[in-house]
Amino acid sequence: MLAKDIGICLARRDYLETSQIATIFTREHGKIRGIAKGARRAKSKFGGAIELLSLGQLLFSPGRGQGLVTLAEWTAQENYLGLRRDLGQLYRAYYLAELMDLFTEEMDPHEQLHDFFDRALTDLADGRGWAEFLGFQVQLLKQVGLSPELWSCVLCAKESQGRKVVFISFSEGGILCRACAQQTSEKQRISPAGLEIVRKLTTPAPKDQANQPQVQAISDPPQDDPARQAQELLSYWVRAALNREPKTAKLLR
């Protein structure tokens, strides 16, 4: 029996002369990897090749457990065209798509995460700033159970508010004060301003605008901007969680 769903294409590659293998994050079934036979033919039931970073309705044969499924139909509904007009936004979208692929398992549904991703791509396509880009990364880590402890030292429980020197350690699970960091080999120094942005994105307070993160609505903040420093914190955490750097991370530099 065929399953019907909507999904966003995270990755795709050509297969043989006319087919494709696509990784699609669906709303109700989670991530699937499927083969679209004949998708690259001029006239096919797919209406053309499946595009990277496109949202569409699909029919597929789920199969049993994980593994390659058969895609029967794909109808594109949203291509986030604004991304193609801004190279910086497109690169950020590529990075988020790779994180989605790396941090999720096949056939493991995350409906809310699918909606967050759709919203993040829409915001990037509309030219919005770094708040949406950073915010999605925070939500992704939260959804997959990898959020760091950001409010007090994970070893001595001292609050870091107002401290000029703060460290973070993936192996310890969050931030460290200076004294505890001296006893920990795996750590990285982080910017208090960047930390504050990530904190506010983790627990936003929409009714209190004064507490909202002040992230500039520009596509490429300078290196000393708090938004860039917040990204450095998140990039460290992602690298440590994966034990490697995502391939698209170089596009953000």
Protein backbone atom coordinates (compact mmCIF):
# COMPACT_ATOMS: atom_id res chain seq x y z
CA MET A 1 0.00 0.00 0.00
CA LEU A 2 1.28 3.46 -0.90
CA ALA A 3 1.71 6.12 1.77
CA LYS A 4 0.87 9.77 1.13
CA ASP A 5 2.73 12.61 2.83
CA ILE A 6 4.39 15.98 2.34
CA GLY A 7 8.12 16.44 2.68
CA ILE A 8 11.19 18.58 2.03
CA CYS A 9 14.07 17.29 -0.06
CA LEU A 10 17.27 17.32 2.01
CA ALA A 11 19.58 15.71 -0.55
CA ARG A 12 19.41 14.02 -3.95
CA ARG A 13 21.72 12.46 -6.48
CA ASP A 14 21.35 11.09 -9.97
CA TYR A 15 20.98 7.35 -10.33
CA LEU A 16 21.63 5.64 -13.65
CA GLU A 17 20.49 7.66 -16.67
CA THR A 18 17.01 8.81 -15.78
CA SER A 19 16.42 8.17 -12.07
CA GLN A 20 17.19 9.85 -8.76
CA ILE A 21 17.80 8.85 -5.18
CA ALA A 22 16.37 11.48 -2.83
CA THR A 23 16.44 11.99 0.93
CA ILE A 24 13.15 13.58 1.99
CA PHE A 25 12.05 14.64 5.45
CA THR A 26 8.33 13.92 5.54
CA ARG A 27 5.91 15.29 8.07
CA GLU A 28 4.23 12.08 9.21
CA HIS A 29 6.83 9.41 8.46
CA GLY A 30 10.09 11.21 9.22
CA LYS A 31 13.12 10.92 6.99
CA ILE A 32 13.01 8.56 4.03
CA ARG A 33 15.50 7.69 1.33
CA GLY A 34 13.77 6.77 -1.88
CA ILE A 35 14.41 6.00 -5.51
CA ALA A 36 12.42 7.95 -8.09
CA LYS A 37 12.62 5.84 -11.23
CA GLY A 38 12.48 7.88 -14.42
CA ALA A 39 12.22 11.22 -12.56
CA ARG A 40 14.75 12.86 -14.89
CA ARG A 41 12.91 12.00 -18.07
CA ALA A 42 11.41 14.94 -19.97
CA LYS A 43 7.98 13.40 -19.52
CA SER A 44 7.52 11.52 -16.27
CA LYS A 45 4.94 11.11 -13.51
CA PHE A 46 7.22 13.22 -11.28
CA GLY A 47 6.92 16.30 -13.48
CA GLY A 48 10.70 16.58 -13.64
CA ALA A 49 13.61 15.97 -11.32
CA ILE A 50 13.13 16.39 -7.56
CA GLU A 51 14.86 19.64 -6.58
CA LEU A 52 16.99 20.09 -3.49
CA LEU A 53 15.27 22.31 -0.90
CA SER A 54 11.82 21.90 -2.34
CA LEU A 55 8.63 20.91 -0.53
CA GLY A 56 6.25 18.56 -2.24
CA GLN A 57 3.52 15.99 -1.90
CA LEU A 58 4.66 12.44 -2.42
CA LEU A 59 3.41 8.88 -2.68
CA PHE A 60 5.80 6.11 -1.72
CA SER A 61 5.96 2.47 -0.80
CA PRO A 62 7.17 2.43 2.84
CA GLY A 63 8.67 -1.06 2.80
CA ARG A 64 9.80 -2.64 6.05
CA GLY A 65 11.95 -0.74 8.51
CA GLN A 66 14.79 1.44 7.26
CA GLY A 67 16.22 1.31 3.78
CA LEU A 68 15.56 2.59 0.29
CA VAL A 69 11.85 3.04 -0.51
CA THR A 70 10.19 3.45 -3.90
CA LEU A 71 8.87 6.91 -4.71
CA ALA A 72 5.75 6.65 -6.84
CA GLU A 73 4.84 10.33 -7.24
CA TRP A 74 6.22 13.76 -6.36
CA THR A 75 4.37 17.04 -6.87
CA ALA A 76 6.37 20.14 -5.97
CA GLN A 77 4.42 22.71 -3.95
CA GLU A 78 7.09 25.15 -2.73
CA ASN A 79 10.60 25.82 -4.05
CA TYR A 80 11.56 28.67 -1.68
CA LEU A 81 12.63 30.69 -4.71
CA GLY A 82 13.97 33.56 -2.65
CA LEU A 83 16.90 31.38 -1.63
CA ARG A 84 18.17 31.37 -5.22
CA ARG A 85 18.42 35.16 -5.18
CA ASP A 86 20.72 35.37 -2.14
CA LEU A 87 23.77 33.13 -2.06
CA GLY A 88 24.31 33.65 1.67
CA GLN A 89 20.76 32.56 2.49
CA LEU A 90 21.05 29.60 0.12
CA TYR A 91 24.24 28.43 1.85
CA ARG A 92 22.56 28.71 5.24
CA ALA A 93 19.65 26.64 3.94
CA TYR A 94 22.09 24.00 2.65
CA TYR A 95 23.65 23.86 6.11
CA LEU A 96 20.30 23.42 7.86
CA ALA A 97 19.32 20.68 5.41
CA GLU A 98 22.53 18.78 6.13
CA LEU A 99 21.93 19.10 9.88
CA MET A 100 18.42 17.72 9.41
CA ASP A 101 19.85 14.75 7.55
CA LEU A 102 22.64 14.11 10.06
CA PHE A 103 20.60 14.46 13.24
CA THR A 104 17.48 12.48 12.29
CA GLU A 105 16.85 8.78 11.77
CA GLU A 106 14.91 7.16 8.95
CA MET A 107 11.21 6.55 9.55
CA ASP A 108 11.29 8.47 12.87
CA PRO A 109 8.49 11.08 12.68
CA HIS A 110 8.98 14.62 14.00
CA GLU A 111 5.98 16.60 12.77
CA GLN A 112 6.91 19.73 14.74
CA LEU A 113 10.47 19.60 13.47
CA HIS A 114 9.21 19.36 9.88
CA ASP A 115 7.11 22.48 10.44
CA PHE A 116 10.04 24.32 12.05
CA PHE A 117 12.20 23.49 9.04
CA ASP A 118 9.55 24.64 6.56
CA ARG A 119 9.22 27.90 8.47
CA ALA A 120 13.00 28.41 8.63
CA LEU A 121 13.36 27.93 4.86
CA THR A 122 10.46 30.32 4.25
CA ASP A 123 12.05 32.95 6.49
CA LEU A 124 15.43 32.59 4.80
CA ALA A 125 13.80 32.80 1.37
CA ASP A 126 12.05 36.00 2.47
CA GLY A 127 15.43 37.54 3.33
CA ARG A 128 15.07 37.59 7.09
CA GLY A 129 18.15 37.76 9.33
CA TRP A 130 20.09 35.39 11.50
CA ALA A 131 17.52 34.98 14.27
CA GLU A 132 15.58 32.43 12.21
CA PHE A 133 18.76 30.64 11.14
CA LEU A 134 20.05 30.38 14.72
CA GLY A 135 16.61 29.61 16.11
CA PHE A 136 16.11 26.56 13.93
CA GLN A 137 19.42 25.07 15.05
CA VAL A 138 18.36 25.55 18.67
CA GLN A 139 15.02 23.83 17.98
CA LEU A 140 16.67 20.96 16.11
CA LEU A 141 19.03 20.21 19.02
CA LYS A 142 16.09 20.39 21.40
CA GLN A 143 13.93 18.05 19.32
CA VAL A 144 16.63 15.38 19.07
CA GLY A 145 17.54 15.61 22.76
CA LEU A 146 20.96 17.24 22.43
CA SER A 147 20.40 20.68 23.94
CA PRO A 148 23.25 21.95 26.14
CA GLU A 149 22.81 23.26 29.67
CA LEU A 150 23.23 27.01 29.24
CA TRP A 151 22.30 28.67 32.54
CA SER A 152 24.69 27.37 35.17
CA CYS A 153 27.97 25.49 35.36
CA VAL A 154 27.27 21.80 34.86
CA LEU A 155 29.92 20.85 37.42
CA CYS A 156 29.48 23.31 40.31
CA ALA A 157 26.04 24.79 39.48
CA LYS A 158 27.24 28.39 39.71
CA GLU A 159 25.25 30.76 37.49
CA SER A 160 27.16 32.28 34.60
CA GLN A 161 25.07 35.46 34.33
CA GLY A 162 27.36 38.46 34.13
CA ARG A 163 30.58 36.47 33.89
CA LYS A 164 33.11 37.72 31.38
CA VAL A 165 34.74 34.33 30.81
CA VAL A 166 32.57 31.31 30.02
CA PHE A 167 33.40 27.91 28.55
CA ILE A 168 31.26 25.14 27.11
CA SER A 169 31.96 21.41 27.01
CA PHE A 170 30.01 18.83 25.03
CA SER A 171 31.49 15.98 27.05
CA GLU A 172 30.24 17.59 30.27
CA GLY A 173 26.88 18.63 28.78
CA GLY A 174 26.97 22.41 28.86
CA ILE A 175 28.66 25.53 30.14
CA LEU A 176 31.51 25.68 32.64
CA CYS A 177 32.77 28.42 34.90
CA ARG A 178 36.44 29.35 34.65
CA ALA A 179 37.45 27.28 37.69
CA CYS A 180 35.75 24.10 36.50
CA ALA A 181 37.01 24.61 32.95
CA GLN A 182 40.58 24.41 34.26
CA GLN A 183 39.83 20.84 35.32
CA THR A 184 38.24 19.84 32.01
CA SER A 185 40.25 18.95 28.93
CA GLU A 186 37.43 19.06 26.33
CA LYS A 187 36.06 22.60 26.24
CA GLN A 188 35.82 25.78 24.21
CA ARG A 189 35.70 29.38 25.31
CA ILE A 190 32.54 31.16 24.20
CA SER A 191 31.30 34.72 23.98
CA PRO A 192 28.91 35.80 26.77
CA ALA A 193 27.02 37.89 24.19
CA GLY A 194 26.64 34.90 21.87
CA LEU A 195 25.60 32.71 24.81
CA GLU A 196 22.88 35.20 25.74
CA ILE A 197 21.38 35.04 22.25
CA VAL A 198 21.29 31.23 22.26
CA ARG A 199 19.70 31.27 25.73
CA LYS A 200 16.91 33.58 24.60
CA LEU A 201 16.30 31.51 21.47
CA THR A 202 16.05 28.42 23.66
CA THR A 203 13.41 29.92 25.94
CA PRO A 204 11.85 32.86 24.08
CA ALA A 205 9.44 35.18 25.86
CA PRO A 206 7.21 36.59 23.09
CA LYS A 207 5.15 38.77 25.44
CA ASP A 208 8.23 40.60 26.65
CA GLN A 209 9.90 42.16 23.64
CA ALA A 210 12.73 43.49 25.80
CA ASN A 211 13.81 39.90 26.40
CA GLN A 212 13.93 38.97 22.74
CA PRO A 213 17.38 38.27 21.24
CA GLN A 214 18.84 41.27 19.47
CA VAL A 215 19.98 39.69 16.21
CA GLN A 216 20.67 41.98 13.29
CA ALA A 217 18.51 41.45 10.22
CA ILE A 218 21.51 41.40 7.87
CA SER A 219 22.73 38.42 5.92
CA ASP A 220 26.39 38.42 6.97
CA PRO A 221 27.21 39.81 10.43
CA PRO A 222 30.85 40.74 11.12
CA GLN A 223 32.97 38.31 13.11
CA ASP A 224 32.58 40.29 16.35
CA ASP A 225 28.77 40.49 16.08
CA PRO A 226 26.88 38.55 18.80
CA ALA A 227 24.91 36.67 16.11
CA ARG A 228 28.14 35.34 14.60
CA GLN A 229 29.38 34.46 18.09
CA ALA A 230 26.13 32.60 18.79
CA GLN A 231 26.72 30.61 15.59
CA GLU A 232 30.24 29.76 16.76
CA LEU A 233 28.76 28.29 19.94
CA LEU A 234 26.21 26.23 18.01
CA SER A 235 28.80 25.13 15.44
CA TYR A 236 31.05 23.85 18.21
CA TRP A 237 28.17 21.88 19.73
CA VAL A 238 27.22 20.39 16.36
CA ARG A 239 30.83 19.37 15.61
CA ALA A 240 31.18 17.75 19.01
CA ALA A 241 27.86 15.90 18.74
CA LEU A 242 28.70 14.53 15.28
CA ASN A 243 32.42 14.07 15.99
CA ARG A 244 33.09 15.88 12.71
CA GLU A 245 32.22 19.08 10.91
CA PRO A 246 29.28 19.08 8.48
CA LYS A 247 30.43 19.38 4.86
CA THR A 248 28.43 22.57 4.29
CA ALA A 249 29.92 24.34 7.33
CA LYS A 250 32.64 25.79 5.10
CA LEU A 251 29.94 27.71 3.22
CA LEU A 252 29.20 29.77 6.33
CA ARG A 253 32.71 31.16 6.67
